[in-house]
């Protein structure tokens, strides 16, 4: 699993893995201003810059990486970086009062680091020990900052003001930050980004119409889903307090 591997190709494009379809305007249609994207003009310029970097640097590197790397090795590399993200989930789960999820993440980290040999094998998932990823942006959402303005960051990609404020905490919660050797740390970061990008090559076919709008809308939808722990709101027809009266049906079909 490639869980939260990088912000640049991560949340902006990783949403495409989870959203199989999404409506978006074609380039020939008039686009209405998105209420969560008041800085669309600025964001589009940054998006265009990021797209050039991806097209001429990141994407070719990801294709080369996929070409020379056997599938089992690529899966193992993704598992390692996913495993290194578990401490971040532990910290943010505790900050949100989710003790059970923190316990699950701790178990996953210990099992995959030991039995899974540094996380190369996701043994915990095979044992059906699975939880929910958490980061500091989600923590801020739990603390009350539920909605935030959309913001595209240079190189890092889609975000919000809230999630941007959480980046430093997430960075310090990721183990590779504490690798003292600069070359090793930068090499691991580069591998992490390229491996994540390689895992998304097949999902680009999902993009329809205006790339910016599609990625923004799917990212915001997925991010809202994460912050709300998957809650989509209450269904009045599923509420126990919603009672039907037989007389209502009699009146409806009286004619």
Foldseek 3Di string as FASTA:
>chain_A
DQPCLALLCPLLQVLLVVDLADDDDFPVDDDDDDPQAPPVVVQVVLVVLSVVCCVPPQVVLLVVCVVPDDPLQLLLLSQLSVLLQLLQQLVLCVLLVNNVLNVLSVVQNVCCVPVVVNRSDSVCVVVVSDHAGDFVLLSVCSVPCLGFHWHQDRSSGTDGPSVVVRVVVSLVSGVLNPPPDPVVSVVSSSVSSSSVSSVRPVSVVSDDHDNVRVSVVSSVVVVSCRSVVNDPDDDPVPDPPDDDDVVVVCVVPVD
